């Protein structure tokens, strides 16, 4: 069974940076799109960023464009989310997920129904 473990969350001041990691323990990680999602208190879970199997195509939500960068290391079976210039509204539990396929460029890489396996989440808190 595929297992995903996120790490790197924490408390940071506004304007600061954090780097989240998500390690995948089993499964054909190298073949599929990976994504990051977040859920703020009292709100629905939303997509943040996604990356295709070879890292050549990425998706970002408008709210994080230019501040967050998603990357992956297939040899390490790990996907990363570099978060810079953090804002208070970035406070949320962040989840990584594996899609059931490699989502082609032009299709909705942020669609949650595409993702079959999810991590347990890591808390990111940004103080203003």
Protein backbone atom coordinates (compact mmCIF):
# COMPACT_ATOMS: atom_id res chain seq x y z
CA UNK A 1 0.00 0.00 0.00
CA UNK A 2 1.24 3.47 -0.87
CA UNK A 3 2.23 5.57 2.13
CA UNK A 4 3.02 9.28 2.08
CA UNK A 5 4.70 11.09 4.95
CA UNK A 6 4.91 14.89 5.00
CA UNK A 7 7.44 16.86 7.03
CA UNK A 8 8.79 20.38 7.31
CA UNK A 9 5.81 22.21 8.69
CA UNK A 10 6.04 24.63 11.59
CA UNK A 11 5.55 28.17 12.81
CA UNK A 12 7.09 31.02 10.87
CA UNK A 13 6.70 34.78 10.75
CA UNK A 14 5.11 36.47 7.77
CA UNK A 15 7.68 36.95 5.03
CA UNK A 16 9.57 33.85 6.05
CA UNK A 17 10.11 30.54 4.29
CA UNK A 18 9.47 26.86 4.84
CA UNK A 19 10.22 23.76 2.77
CA UNK A 20 7.81 20.86 2.95
CA UNK A 21 8.83 17.34 1.97
CA UNK A 22 6.70 14.32 1.16
CA UNK A 23 8.29 10.90 1.03
CA UNK A 24 6.48 8.07 -0.74
CA UNK A 25 7.20 4.62 0.64
CA UNK A 26 5.71 2.35 -2.01
CA UNK A 27 4.12 2.37 -5.43
CA UNK A 28 5.07 3.63 -8.91
CA UNK A 29 5.81 7.12 -7.67
CA UNK A 30 7.93 7.97 -10.68
CA UNK A 31 5.04 7.56 -13.11
CA UNK A 32 2.39 9.81 -11.61
CA UNK A 33 1.57 13.42 -10.96
CA UNK A 34 2.12 14.56 -7.39
CA UNK A 35 0.30 17.41 -5.71
CA UNK A 36 0.13 19.56 -2.61
CA UNK A 37 -3.15 20.66 -1.08
CA UNK A 38 -4.07 22.63 2.02
CA UNK A 39 -6.98 23.02 4.36
CA UNK A 40 -7.37 26.08 6.55
CA UNK A 41 -9.57 25.99 9.67
CA UNK A 42 -13.24 26.03 8.75
CA UNK A 43 -12.52 25.88 5.03
CA UNK A 44 -12.51 23.25 2.31
CA UNK A 45 -9.32 21.59 1.19
CA UNK A 46 -7.88 23.34 -1.87
CA UNK A 47 -5.16 22.64 -4.35
CA UNK A 48 -1.84 24.45 -3.99
CA UNK A 49 0.53 23.01 -6.57
CA UNK A 50 1.14 19.90 -8.66
CA UNK A 51 3.95 18.49 -10.77
CA UNK A 52 3.98 15.91 -13.52
CA UNK A 53 6.08 12.77 -13.50
CA UNK A 54 9.27 14.23 -14.95
CA UNK A 55 9.00 17.64 -13.35
CA UNK A 56 8.61 19.49 -16.63
CA UNK A 57 5.06 20.64 -16.05
CA UNK A 58 3.70 22.28 -12.93
CA UNK A 59 0.48 23.83 -11.74
CA UNK A 60 0.08 26.54 -9.10
CA UNK A 61 -2.97 28.05 -7.51
CA UNK A 62 -3.24 31.77 -8.16
CA UNK A 63 -2.84 32.51 -4.47
CA UNK A 64 0.67 31.01 -4.33
CA UNK A 65 1.96 31.78 -7.83
CA UNK A 66 5.40 33.36 -7.66
CA UNK A 67 5.89 32.48 -3.97
CA UNK A 68 5.76 28.65 -3.90
CA UNK A 69 7.79 26.19 -5.95
CA UNK A 70 7.05 22.50 -6.32
CA UNK A 71 9.77 20.03 -7.27
CA UNK A 72 10.42 16.31 -7.09
CA UNK A 73 13.31 13.88 -6.83
CA UNK A 74 12.22 10.57 -8.33
CA UNK A 75 15.35 8.78 -7.14
CA UNK A 76 14.42 9.68 -3.57
CA UNK A 77 10.67 9.26 -4.15
CA UNK A 78 10.15 12.68 -2.63
CA UNK A 79 8.21 15.77 -3.64
CA UNK A 80 8.96 19.19 -2.19
CA UNK A 81 7.13 22.46 -1.73
CA UNK A 82 9.34 25.50 -1.22
CA UNK A 83 7.25 28.26 0.31
CA UNK A 84 8.67 31.78 0.32
CA UNK A 85 7.24 35.14 1.37
CA UNK A 86 4.68 33.36 3.52
CA UNK A 87 1.54 35.18 4.51
CA UNK A 88 -0.88 34.69 7.39
CA UNK A 89 -3.45 33.36 4.93
CA UNK A 90 -1.10 30.47 4.08
CA UNK A 91 -1.80 29.02 7.53
CA UNK A 92 -3.28 25.55 7.00
CA UNK A 93 -2.67 21.84 7.19
CA UNK A 94 -0.75 20.87 4.06
CA UNK A 95 -1.27 17.49 2.43
CA UNK A 96 0.63 15.77 -0.35
CA UNK A 97 -1.06 13.31 -2.66
CA UNK A 98 -0.38 10.93 -5.54
CA UNK A 99 -2.58 11.02 -8.61
CA UNK A 100 -3.81 7.88 -10.32
CA UNK A 101 -2.08 8.85 -13.55
CA UNK A 102 0.30 11.38 -15.02
CA UNK A 103 -2.08 14.27 -15.69
CA UNK A 104 -1.31 15.81 -19.09
CA UNK A 105 -0.44 19.45 -19.45
CA UNK A 106 -3.61 21.37 -20.17
CA UNK A 107 -5.78 19.24 -17.91
CA UNK A 108 -6.60 20.19 -14.37
CA UNK A 109 -3.63 19.04 -12.31
CA UNK A 110 -5.24 20.52 -9.21
CA UNK A 111 -8.43 18.45 -9.36
CA UNK A 112 -8.71 16.49 -6.12
CA UNK A 113 -10.63 13.62 -7.74
CA UNK A 114 -7.46 12.76 -9.67
CA UNK A 115 -5.60 11.88 -6.46
CA UNK A 116 -5.84 8.44 -4.92
CA UNK A 117 -3.41 8.47 -2.01
CA UNK A 118 -2.96 11.14 0.65
CA UNK A 119 -0.56 11.87 3.45
CA UNK A 120 -1.56 12.65 7.02
CA UNK A 121 -0.80 16.35 6.70
CA UNK A 122 1.64 18.79 8.27
CA UNK A 123 0.68 22.04 10.00
CA UNK A 124 1.99 25.35 8.67
CA UNK A 125 1.31 28.40 10.81
CA UNK A 126 2.28 31.91 9.74
CA UNK A 127 2.18 34.71 12.28
CA UNK A 128 1.53 38.25 11.11
